[in-house]
C-alpha cells in the first residue's frame, strides 16, 4: 500500500515542526507539503531543516491549493481563520483533514461539520491518545455519579498559549456534560471573582493556569461529600499530539467522507 501523502499546516510553528519530525519516524506516511501563512518569512525554507532534521526537499509554501493537488491529507494545528480557509480547500479536494486547532467558535465548528459531506474530517481539541481515553473515562464517571458530586476542570499550559480555557479542557467538559445529559453551554462556569455566592448544583467549573513551558496538564475533579475522585493527564512532549494526529490521518484514509472524532479513531464512541 502506498504511503499516505500529508501536508502539515503551520509547518514553521512548534507543533508543525513536531509533526514533521513525527512523519520522519512513522512508517506509512510521507511529507508531501508544508504550509505557512502567505507572507511568512519562513516561506521557501526547508521543512526538515526547520524541524531539526536533514534537508528533506519540501519547502514551506503559502499555497494550499497547489500543495493539495498531490496529497491525501492535511494535518492542521493552526489558528481558527486559517483552519476555516483550509477546510474549504480540503473539502474541494476530497482529502483527509485532521484538525487540532483550538479556540474555534461555534460558527467555525458549524462550517467544519458542513463540509464533511465531501471531506473526511477528524477533529479533536486534543489528539493525544491518553487524553481521549481520559475523556471517555470522564463521560463514564459523570454518568455514574449524581449531582452530589461537583465537577471541576483544572488545566495548565505554557505562558505563550493564547486561548483559554484550552481546547482539551472543553473536550473534557463536553464529555462530563454528555455523561450528565446536560448542555455544557448552560452549565459552564469559566471564572470566579469576588462575592460569587454558593456553587450552583450541576455546574461544571473551569480553572485556567498559565506559566513556564508546560505543554498541557489537565485534571477533572469529582468532588462529593467527604470524598473526591481526580482523573489526571500530564503531557511531557508535543510529540504525543503529533503521533495521535498521524494515527488519526491513517485511520481516516480509507473511510467515507464524514465528521469523526478521536473517540472514533480509538473505538471509544460507545464506551
Protein backbone atom coordinates (compact mmCIF):
# COMPACT_ATOMS: atom_id res chain seq x y z
CA UNK A 1 0.00 0.00 0.00
CA UNK A 2 1.32 3.44 -0.94
CA UNK A 3 2.42 5.79 1.80
CA UNK A 4 -0.11 8.45 2.80
CA UNK A 5 0.98 11.85 1.50
CA UNK A 6 0.44 14.52 4.16
CA UNK A 7 0.60 18.30 4.23
CA UNK A 8 1.47 19.98 7.52
CA UNK A 9 -0.30 23.31 8.06
CA UNK A 10 1.63 25.75 10.21
CA UNK A 11 4.79 23.80 9.46
CA UNK A 12 7.02 26.57 10.81
CA UNK A 13 5.42 26.59 14.27
CA UNK A 14 6.28 24.43 17.27
CA UNK A 15 3.52 21.92 16.62
CA UNK A 16 4.17 21.91 12.89
CA UNK A 17 7.84 21.12 13.41
CA UNK A 18 6.93 18.31 15.82
CA UNK A 19 4.62 16.88 13.13
CA UNK A 20 7.39 16.97 10.54
CA UNK A 21 9.65 15.06 12.94
CA UNK A 22 6.87 12.57 13.69
CA UNK A 23 6.34 11.90 9.98
CA UNK A 24 10.05 11.15 9.60
CA UNK A 25 9.70 8.46 12.31
CA UNK A 26 6.39 6.92 11.22
CA UNK A 27 6.06 4.16 8.60
CA UNK A 28 3.24 4.61 6.10
CA UNK A 29 3.29 8.41 5.86
CA UNK A 30 5.39 10.88 3.88
CA UNK A 31 5.65 14.67 3.96
CA UNK A 32 4.00 15.93 0.77
CA UNK A 33 3.80 19.61 1.62
CA UNK A 34 4.47 22.24 4.26
CA UNK A 35 2.08 25.18 4.60
CA UNK A 36 2.61 28.55 6.23
CA UNK A 37 0.69 31.82 6.17
CA UNK A 38 1.24 33.77 2.93
CA UNK A 39 3.89 36.42 3.52
CA UNK A 40 5.60 34.48 6.32
CA UNK A 41 9.36 34.94 6.46
CA UNK A 42 9.62 31.13 6.56
CA UNK A 43 8.22 30.64 3.05
CA UNK A 44 10.86 28.84 0.96
CA UNK A 45 12.64 27.32 3.99
CA UNK A 46 13.19 23.57 4.07
CA UNK A 47 10.67 21.91 6.43
CA UNK A 48 13.17 19.26 7.52
CA UNK A 49 15.80 21.80 8.50
CA UNK A 50 13.25 23.87 10.47
CA UNK A 51 12.30 20.69 12.35
CA UNK A 52 15.94 19.96 13.26
CA UNK A 53 16.33 17.22 10.63
CA UNK A 54 18.46 16.93 7.47
CA UNK A 55 17.04 18.76 4.43
CA UNK A 56 14.02 16.90 3.02
CA UNK A 57 13.40 18.89 -0.15
CA UNK A 58 9.95 20.06 0.97
CA UNK A 59 9.89 23.84 1.31
CA UNK A 60 7.27 25.92 3.08
CA UNK A 61 4.60 27.38 0.80
CA UNK A 62 1.60 29.65 1.27
CA UNK A 63 -0.46 27.98 -1.48
CA UNK A 64 -2.56 25.10 -0.13
CA UNK A 65 -4.45 24.66 -3.40
CA UNK A 66 -1.21 23.85 -5.24
CA UNK A 67 0.15 21.66 -2.42
CA UNK A 68 -3.06 19.65 -2.13
CA UNK A 69 -3.09 18.56 -5.77
CA UNK A 70 -0.81 15.65 -4.88
CA UNK A 71 -1.75 14.93 -1.27
CA UNK A 72 -4.00 12.55 0.62
CA UNK A 73 -4.50 14.68 3.70
CA UNK A 74 -3.65 17.75 5.73
CA UNK A 75 -2.89 17.99 9.45
CA UNK A 76 -3.89 21.35 10.83
CA UNK A 77 -2.82 22.79 14.20
CA UNK A 78 -3.04 26.48 13.30
CA UNK A 79 -5.48 29.29 14.15
CA UNK A 80 -9.24 29.42 13.54
CA UNK A 81 -9.15 31.72 10.49
CA UNK A 82 -6.51 29.58 8.78
CA UNK A 83 -8.31 26.34 9.60
CA UNK A 84 -11.59 27.59 8.14
CA UNK A 85 -9.79 28.61 4.93
CA UNK A 86 -8.01 25.25 4.81
CA UNK A 87 -11.14 23.18 5.38
CA UNK A 88 -12.79 24.60 2.26
CA UNK A 89 -9.84 23.52 0.11
CA UNK A 90 -9.59 20.12 1.78
CA UNK A 91 -13.29 19.57 1.08
CA UNK A 92 -12.96 20.57 -2.57
CA UNK A 93 -10.03 18.20 -2.98
CA UNK A 94 -11.83 15.47 -1.03
CA UNK A 95 -8.83 14.76 1.18
CA UNK A 96 -8.50 13.91 4.87
CA UNK A 97 -8.41 16.94 7.17
CA UNK A 98 -7.18 16.31 10.70
CA UNK A 99 -7.97 19.38 12.83
CA UNK A 100 -6.27 20.01 16.16
CA UNK A 101 -6.78 23.79 16.12
CA UNK A 102 -8.25 25.21 19.33
CA UNK A 103 -10.13 28.43 20.00
CA UNK A 104 -12.72 27.70 17.28
CA UNK A 105 -16.13 29.34 17.67
CA UNK A 106 -19.50 27.61 17.39
CA UNK A 107 -19.87 29.07 13.89
CA UNK A 108 -16.41 27.76 12.95
CA UNK A 109 -17.41 24.29 14.13
CA UNK A 110 -20.60 24.52 12.07
CA UNK A 111 -18.56 25.34 8.95
CA UNK A 112 -16.27 22.37 9.60
CA UNK A 113 -19.20 19.99 10.02
CA UNK A 114 -20.88 21.35 6.88
CA UNK A 115 -18.03 20.25 4.60
CA UNK A 116 -17.85 16.71 5.97
CA UNK A 117 -20.17 15.51 3.19
CA UNK A 118 -17.17 15.91 0.87
CA UNK A 119 -14.15 15.66 3.14
CA UNK A 120 -13.00 13.22 5.80
CA UNK A 121 -12.67 15.41 8.87
CA UNK A 122 -11.18 14.22 12.16
CA UNK A 123 -11.42 16.97 14.76
CA UNK A 124 -10.39 16.98 18.41
CA UNK A 125 -9.40 19.57 20.99
CA UNK A 126 -6.54 17.20 21.80
CA UNK A 127 -5.00 14.48 19.61
CA UNK A 128 -3.29 12.67 22.48
CA UNK A 129 -4.39 9.07 22.78
CA UNK A 130 -4.23 9.32 26.57
CA UNK A 131 -6.39 12.45 26.72
CA UNK A 132 -9.08 10.89 24.57
CA UNK A 133 -9.13 7.82 26.79
CA UNK A 134 -9.41 10.22 29.74
CA UNK A 135 -12.42 11.89 28.10
CA UNK A 136 -14.12 8.50 27.75
CA UNK A 137 -13.48 7.80 31.44
CA UNK A 138 -14.80 11.24 32.42
CA UNK A 139 -18.01 10.59 30.48
CA UNK A 140 -18.49 7.27 32.27
CA UNK A 141 -17.76 8.64 35.75
CA UNK A 142 -20.04 11.66 35.21
CA UNK A 143 -22.83 9.31 34.17
CA UNK A 144 -22.31 7.07 37.20
CA UNK A 145 -22.26 9.88 39.79
CA UNK A 146 -25.18 12.17 40.57
CA UNK A 147 -25.22 15.93 41.27
CA UNK A 148 -23.89 15.35 44.77
CA UNK A 149 -20.50 15.25 43.02
CA UNK A 150 -19.42 18.66 41.69
CA UNK A 151 -17.27 18.66 38.55
CA UNK A 152 -14.26 20.97 38.26
CA UNK A 153 -11.71 21.01 35.42
CA UNK A 154 -8.22 22.43 36.00
CA UNK A 155 -5.73 22.96 33.18
CA UNK A 156 -2.24 24.42 32.87
CA UNK A 157 -0.31 25.39 29.74
CA UNK A 158 2.81 27.35 28.80
CA UNK A 159 2.85 31.12 29.03
CA UNK A 160 2.56 31.62 25.25
CA UNK A 161 -0.81 29.88 24.82
CA UNK A 162 -3.34 32.44 23.58
CA UNK A 163 -6.73 30.75 24.17
CA UNK A 164 -8.35 29.81 27.46
CA UNK A 165 -9.70 27.50 28.66
CA UNK A 166 -7.81 25.06 26.47
CA UNK A 167 -9.44 23.01 23.76
CA UNK A 168 -8.68 19.95 25.85
CA UNK A 169 -10.47 21.43 28.86
CA UNK A 170 -13.55 21.94 26.67
CA UNK A 171 -13.19 18.40 25.33
CA UNK A 172 -13.26 17.10 28.89
CA UNK A 173 -16.07 19.46 29.84
CA UNK A 174 -18.20 18.24 26.95
CA UNK A 175 -17.50 14.65 27.96
CA UNK A 176 -18.64 15.39 31.51
CA UNK A 177 -21.75 17.18 30.26
CA UNK A 178 -22.62 14.29 27.96
CA UNK A 179 -22.28 11.89 30.87
CA UNK A 180 -24.65 14.04 32.92
CA UNK A 181 -27.04 14.57 30.00
CA UNK A 182 -26.77 18.36 30.15
CA UNK A 183 -25.80 21.21 27.81
CA UNK A 184 -22.29 22.42 28.69
CA UNK A 185 -23.02 25.95 27.45
CA UNK A 186 -25.80 26.24 30.05
CA UNK A 187 -23.73 24.87 32.94
CA UNK A 188 -20.19 26.13 32.25
CA UNK A 189 -18.52 28.41 34.83
CA UNK A 190 -15.26 29.82 33.49
CA UNK A 191 -14.37 32.45 36.05
CA UNK A 192 -14.97 33.24 39.69
CA UNK A 193 -14.08 36.52 41.32
CA UNK A 194 -15.42 38.45 44.28
CA UNK A 195 -18.56 37.50 46.17
CA UNK A 196 -19.92 34.78 43.88
CA UNK A 197 -22.34 33.13 46.29
CA UNK A 198 -22.52 29.36 46.75
CA UNK A 199 -21.74 26.99 43.92
CA UNK A 200 -24.75 26.12 41.77
CA UNK A 201 -25.63 22.42 41.68
CA UNK A 202 -24.91 20.90 38.28
CA UNK A 203 -22.36 23.47 37.11
CA UNK A 204 -19.08 22.39 35.52
CA UNK A 205 -16.26 24.70 36.57
CA UNK A 206 -13.09 25.56 34.67
CA UNK A 207 -9.84 26.88 36.15
CA UNK A 208 -7.03 28.06 33.87
CA UNK A 209 -3.34 28.29 34.78
CA UNK A 210 -0.61 29.71 32.51
CA UNK A 211 3.13 29.75 33.01
CA UNK A 212 6.54 28.40 32.09
CA UNK A 213 6.83 25.74 29.41
CA UNK A 214 4.07 23.31 30.44
CA UNK A 215 2.78 21.51 27.34
CA UNK A 216 -0.54 20.60 28.96
CA UNK A 217 -1.77 19.28 32.31
CA UNK A 218 -5.47 18.51 32.80
CA UNK A 219 -7.41 17.25 35.80
CA UNK A 220 -11.12 16.54 36.18
CA UNK A 221 -12.21 16.57 39.80
CA UNK A 222 -15.43 14.97 41.01
CA UNK A 223 -15.91 16.46 44.49
CA UNK A 224 -18.59 14.77 46.57
CA UNK A 225 -19.50 14.69 50.25
CA UNK A 226 -16.32 13.76 52.14
CA UNK A 227 -14.55 12.26 49.08
CA UNK A 228 -13.01 13.28 45.76
CA UNK A 229 -12.18 11.42 42.56
CA UNK A 230 -9.47 13.03 40.41
CA UNK A 231 -8.67 11.94 36.85
CA UNK A 232 -5.46 13.49 35.51
CA UNK A 233 -3.38 13.54 32.34
CA UNK A 234 0.01 15.26 32.06
CA UNK A 235 1.73 15.72 28.73
CA UNK A 236 5.52 15.80 28.63
CA UNK A 237 6.19 16.46 24.93
CA UNK A 238 4.26 17.77 21.92
CA UNK A 239 5.14 14.57 20.09
CA UNK A 240 2.18 12.84 21.79
CA UNK A 241 -0.17 15.15 19.88
CA UNK A 242 1.75 14.67 16.65
CA UNK A 243 1.67 10.88 16.88
CA UNK A 244 -2.03 10.93 17.68
CA UNK A 245 -2.71 13.15 14.66
CA UNK A 246 -0.81 10.79 12.37
CA UNK A 247 -2.79 7.84 13.75
CA UNK A 248 -5.99 9.77 13.02
CA UNK A 249 -4.90 10.53 9.44
CA UNK A 250 -4.00 6.92 8.70
CA UNK A 251 -7.27 5.72 10.25
CA UNK A 252 -9.34 8.14 8.12
CA UNK A 253 -7.54 7.44 4.84
CA UNK A 254 -9.93 4.69 3.70
CA UNK A 255 -13.05 5.94 5.50
CA UNK A 256 -16.00 7.53 3.68
CA UNK A 257 -16.45 11.31 3.88
CA UNK A 258 -17.80 12.35 7.26
CA UNK A 259 -17.10 14.03 10.57
CA UNK A 260 -15.10 11.94 13.02
CA UNK A 261 -13.51 12.37 16.44
CA UNK A 262 -10.58 10.74 18.18
CA UNK A 263 -13.14 8.60 20.02
CA UNK A 264 -13.98 7.11 16.61
CA UNK A 265 -10.29 6.60 15.83
CA UNK A 266 -9.76 4.76 19.13
CA UNK A 267 -13.01 2.80 19.00
CA UNK A 268 -14.31 4.58 22.12
CA UNK A 269 -17.53 6.06 20.70
CA UNK A 270 -19.71 3.63 22.62
CA UNK A 271 -17.53 3.38 25.75
